[in-house]
Amino acid sequence: MAKSNAELQAVYRQRHLKDIEGNKARLNTLISAPAKRSLKRLAKHYAVRQTALLERLIADAEKAELAKMSGDEQSAYCDAITQ
């Protein structure tokens, strides 16, 4: 019996979308088309993958915010979401 599209997709994900090192998490979201084009342009400009660019932008933004906070504020911020 032939597999459904959903079954084929599940098999593909199991085979191709594994995190070998175990330190990745899936992010599924929709963004605006202009934002997607900007992401592609920036990634190409910096010669990095879009994933690496997003990780860098997020880390830089968080670092900037943490620099504005007191030690107690940083602790509260980090304790808010631990996973």
N, C-alpha and C. Protein backbone atom coordinates (compact mmCIF):
# COMPACT_ATOMS: atom_id res chain seq x y z
N MET A 1 0.83 -1.17 0.00
CA MET A 1 0.00 0.00 0.00
C MET A 1 0.88 1.25 0.00
N ALA A 2 0.56 2.21 -0.82
CA ALA A 2 1.35 3.44 -0.93
C ALA A 2 1.18 4.30 0.32
N LYS A 3 2.23 5.01 0.66
CA LYS A 3 2.19 5.89 1.83
C LYS A 3 1.52 7.22 1.46
N SER A 4 0.84 7.80 2.43
CA SER A 4 0.22 9.11 2.22
C SER A 4 1.31 10.18 2.21
N ASN A 5 0.96 11.38 1.76
CA ASN A 5 1.92 12.49 1.77
C ASN A 5 2.43 12.76 3.19
N ALA A 6 1.54 12.72 4.16
CA ALA A 6 1.94 12.96 5.55
C ALA A 6 2.94 11.91 6.02
N GLU A 7 2.72 10.67 5.65
CA GLU A 7 3.65 9.60 6.04
C GLU A 7 5.00 9.78 5.35
N LEU A 8 4.98 10.16 4.09
CA LEU A 8 6.22 10.40 3.36
C LEU A 8 6.99 11.57 3.98
N GLN A 9 6.28 12.63 4.37
CA GLN A 9 6.93 13.78 5.00
C GLN A 9 7.54 13.38 6.35
N ALA A 10 6.84 12.58 7.10
CA ALA A 10 7.35 12.14 8.40
C ALA A 10 8.63 11.33 8.23
N VAL A 11 8.65 10.46 7.25
CA VAL A 11 9.85 9.66 6.97
C VAL A 11 11.00 10.57 6.56
N TYR A 12 10.71 11.56 5.70
CA TYR A 12 11.74 12.51 5.26
C TYR A 12 12.32 13.25 6.46
N ARG A 13 11.46 13.74 7.33
CA ARG A 13 11.94 14.49 8.50
C ARG A 13 12.81 13.62 9.40
N GLN A 14 12.41 12.40 9.59
CA GLN A 14 13.20 11.49 10.42
C GLN A 14 14.57 11.25 9.81
N ARG A 15 14.62 11.18 8.50
CA ARG A 15 15.86 10.87 7.80
C ARG A 15 16.77 12.09 7.64
N HIS A 16 16.19 13.26 7.37
CA HIS A 16 16.99 14.42 6.96
C HIS A 16 17.09 15.55 7.97
N LEU A 17 16.19 15.63 8.89
CA LEU A 17 16.17 16.79 9.77
C LEU A 17 16.58 16.44 11.19
N LYS A 18 17.59 15.62 11.32
CA LYS A 18 18.08 15.23 12.63
C LYS A 18 19.19 16.17 13.08
N ASP A 19 19.22 16.42 14.35
CA ASP A 19 20.28 17.21 14.96
C ASP A 19 21.26 16.24 15.60
N ILE A 20 22.34 15.99 14.92
CA ILE A 20 23.31 14.99 15.37
C ILE A 20 23.91 15.36 16.72
N GLU A 21 24.20 16.64 16.94
CA GLU A 21 24.83 17.08 18.18
C GLU A 21 23.83 17.21 19.33
N GLY A 22 22.56 17.26 19.04
CA GLY A 22 21.54 17.33 20.07
C GLY A 22 21.36 18.69 20.72
N ASN A 23 21.82 19.77 20.07
CA ASN A 23 21.70 21.09 20.68
C ASN A 23 20.87 22.06 19.82
N LYS A 24 20.01 21.53 19.00
CA LYS A 24 19.17 22.37 18.14
C LYS A 24 17.71 22.19 18.53
N ALA A 25 16.89 23.18 18.21
CA ALA A 25 15.45 23.11 18.42
C ALA A 25 14.77 23.64 17.17
N ARG A 26 13.67 23.03 16.80
CA ARG A 26 12.96 23.42 15.58
C ARG A 26 12.20 24.72 15.83
N LEU A 27 12.24 25.61 14.84
CA LEU A 27 11.49 26.86 14.87
C LEU A 27 10.65 26.93 13.61
N ASN A 28 9.35 26.77 13.77
CA ASN A 28 8.43 26.85 12.63
C ASN A 28 7.62 28.12 12.76
N THR A 29 7.76 29.02 11.81
CA THR A 29 7.04 30.28 11.86
C THR A 29 6.89 30.85 10.46
N LEU A 30 5.95 31.75 10.31
CA LEU A 30 5.79 32.49 9.07
C LEU A 30 6.24 33.92 9.32
N ILE A 31 7.01 34.46 8.38
CA ILE A 31 7.40 35.86 8.45
C ILE A 31 6.98 36.53 7.15
N SER A 32 7.00 37.84 7.14
CA SER A 32 6.58 38.57 5.94
C SER A 32 7.56 38.30 4.80
N ALA A 33 7.06 38.40 3.59
CA ALA A 33 7.91 38.19 2.42
C ALA A 33 9.07 39.18 2.38
N PRO A 34 8.85 40.47 2.70
CA PRO A 34 10.00 41.39 2.71
C PRO A 34 11.06 41.00 3.75
N ALA A 35 10.62 40.53 4.92
CA ALA A 35 11.58 40.11 5.94
C ALA A 35 12.37 38.90 5.47
N LYS A 36 11.71 37.98 4.78
CA LYS A 36 12.39 36.79 4.25
C LYS A 36 13.43 37.19 3.20
N ARG A 37 13.06 38.14 2.34
CA ARG A 37 14.03 38.60 1.33
C ARG A 37 15.23 39.27 2.00
N SER A 38 14.96 40.05 3.04
CA SER A 38 16.05 40.69 3.78
C SER A 38 16.96 39.65 4.42
N LEU A 39 16.37 38.62 4.99
CA LEU A 39 17.15 37.54 5.59
C LEU A 39 18.04 36.88 4.55
N LYS A 40 17.49 36.60 3.39
CA LYS A 40 18.28 35.97 2.32
C LYS A 40 19.42 36.88 1.87
N ARG A 41 19.12 38.19 1.71
CA ARG A 41 20.16 39.13 1.28
C ARG A 41 21.27 39.24 2.32
N LEU A 42 20.89 39.38 3.58
CA LEU A 42 21.89 39.49 4.64
C LEU A 42 22.75 38.24 4.74
N ALA A 43 22.12 37.08 4.66
CA ALA A 43 22.88 35.83 4.72
C ALA A 43 23.87 35.74 3.56
N LYS A 44 23.42 36.13 2.39
CA LYS A 44 24.32 36.10 1.23
C LYS A 44 25.44 37.12 1.40
N HIS A 45 25.10 38.30 1.90
CA HIS A 45 26.10 39.35 2.12
C HIS A 45 27.20 38.89 3.07
N TYR A 46 26.81 38.22 4.15
CA TYR A 46 27.78 37.75 5.14
C TYR A 46 28.33 36.36 4.82
N ALA A 47 27.86 35.77 3.73
CA ALA A 47 28.30 34.44 3.30
C ALA A 47 28.09 33.39 4.39
N VAL A 48 26.89 33.43 4.98
CA VAL A 48 26.51 32.45 6.00
C VAL A 48 25.13 31.90 5.66
N ARG A 49 24.78 30.80 6.29
CA ARG A 49 23.44 30.25 6.13
C ARG A 49 22.45 31.12 6.91
N GLN A 50 21.19 31.07 6.49
CA GLN A 50 20.16 31.85 7.15
C GLN A 50 20.04 31.48 8.63
N THR A 51 20.20 30.21 8.93
CA THR A 51 20.14 29.77 10.33
C THR A 51 21.23 30.44 11.15
N ALA A 52 22.44 30.46 10.62
CA ALA A 52 23.56 31.07 11.34
C ALA A 52 23.32 32.57 11.53
N LEU A 53 22.78 33.22 10.52
CA LEU A 53 22.49 34.64 10.64
C LEU A 53 21.44 34.91 11.71
N LEU A 54 20.36 34.13 11.71
CA LEU A 54 19.33 34.30 12.73
C LEU A 54 19.90 34.09 14.13
N GLU A 55 20.71 33.06 14.30
CA GLU A 55 21.31 32.79 15.60
C GLU A 55 22.19 33.96 16.04
N ARG A 56 22.94 34.51 15.10
CA ARG A 56 23.82 35.64 15.40
C ARG A 56 23.01 36.88 15.78
N LEU A 57 21.96 37.18 15.01
CA LEU A 57 21.13 38.35 15.30
C LEU A 57 20.46 38.23 16.67
N ILE A 58 19.96 37.04 16.97
CA ILE A 58 19.30 36.82 18.26
C ILE A 58 20.31 36.96 19.40
N ALA A 59 21.48 36.36 19.25
CA ALA A 59 22.50 36.44 20.30
C ALA A 59 22.95 37.88 20.51
N ASP A 60 23.14 38.63 19.43
CA ASP A 60 23.55 40.03 19.54
C ASP A 60 22.48 40.87 20.23
N ALA A 61 21.21 40.64 19.88
CA ALA A 61 20.11 41.39 20.49
C ALA A 61 20.01 41.08 21.98
N GLU A 62 20.15 39.81 22.33
CA GLU A 62 20.07 39.43 23.74
C GLU A 62 21.24 40.01 24.53
N LYS A 63 22.42 39.96 23.95
CA LYS A 63 23.60 40.52 24.62
C LYS A 63 23.42 42.01 24.89
N ALA A 64 22.87 42.73 23.92
CA ALA A 64 22.63 44.17 24.08
C ALA A 64 21.63 44.44 25.20
N GLU A 65 20.58 43.64 25.27
CA GLU A 65 19.57 43.83 26.32
C GLU A 65 20.13 43.48 27.69
N LEU A 66 20.89 42.40 27.78
CA LEU A 66 21.48 42.00 29.06
C LEU A 66 22.44 43.06 29.59
N ALA A 67 23.14 43.74 28.68
CA ALA A 67 24.08 44.78 29.09
C ALA A 67 23.38 45.95 29.78
N LYS A 68 22.10 46.14 29.49
CA LYS A 68 21.33 47.24 30.09
C LYS A 68 20.77 46.87 31.46
N MET A 69 20.81 45.59 31.82
CA MET A 69 20.14 45.11 33.03
C MET A 69 21.10 45.00 34.21
N SER A 70 20.53 45.14 35.41
CA SER A 70 21.29 44.88 36.63
C SER A 70 21.44 43.36 36.78
N GLY A 71 22.23 42.95 37.74
CA GLY A 71 22.42 41.52 37.98
C GLY A 71 21.12 40.82 38.33
N ASP A 72 20.31 41.45 39.18
CA ASP A 72 19.02 40.86 39.55
C ASP A 72 18.09 40.76 38.35
N GLU A 73 18.09 41.80 37.51
CA GLU A 73 17.24 41.78 36.32
C GLU A 73 17.69 40.69 35.35
N GLN A 74 19.01 40.52 35.24
CA GLN A 74 19.53 39.46 34.37
C GLN A 74 19.10 38.09 34.89
N SER A 75 19.18 37.90 36.20
CA SER A 75 18.78 36.62 36.78
C SER A 75 17.31 36.34 36.52
N ALA A 76 16.47 37.36 36.73
CA ALA A 76 15.03 37.20 36.49
C ALA A 76 14.76 36.91 35.02
N TYR A 77 15.47 37.60 34.15
CA TYR A 77 15.31 37.39 32.70
C TYR A 77 15.68 35.95 32.34
N CYS A 78 16.81 35.50 32.81
CA CYS A 78 17.28 34.15 32.47
C CYS A 78 16.41 33.07 33.11
N ASP A 79 15.87 33.35 34.29
CA ASP A 79 15.02 32.37 34.97
C ASP A 79 13.64 32.27 34.33
N ALA A 80 13.23 33.30 33.58
CA ALA A 80 11.88 33.31 32.99
C ALA A 80 11.67 32.14 32.04
N ILE A 81 12.66 31.84 31.24
CA ILE A 81 12.57 30.71 30.30
C ILE A 81 13.90 29.99 30.32
N THR A 82 13.87 28.76 30.79
CA THR A 82 15.12 28.01 30.91
C THR A 82 15.27 26.91 29.87
N GLN A 83 14.22 26.69 29.08
CA GLN A 83 14.32 25.65 28.05
C GLN A 83 13.83 26.18 26.74
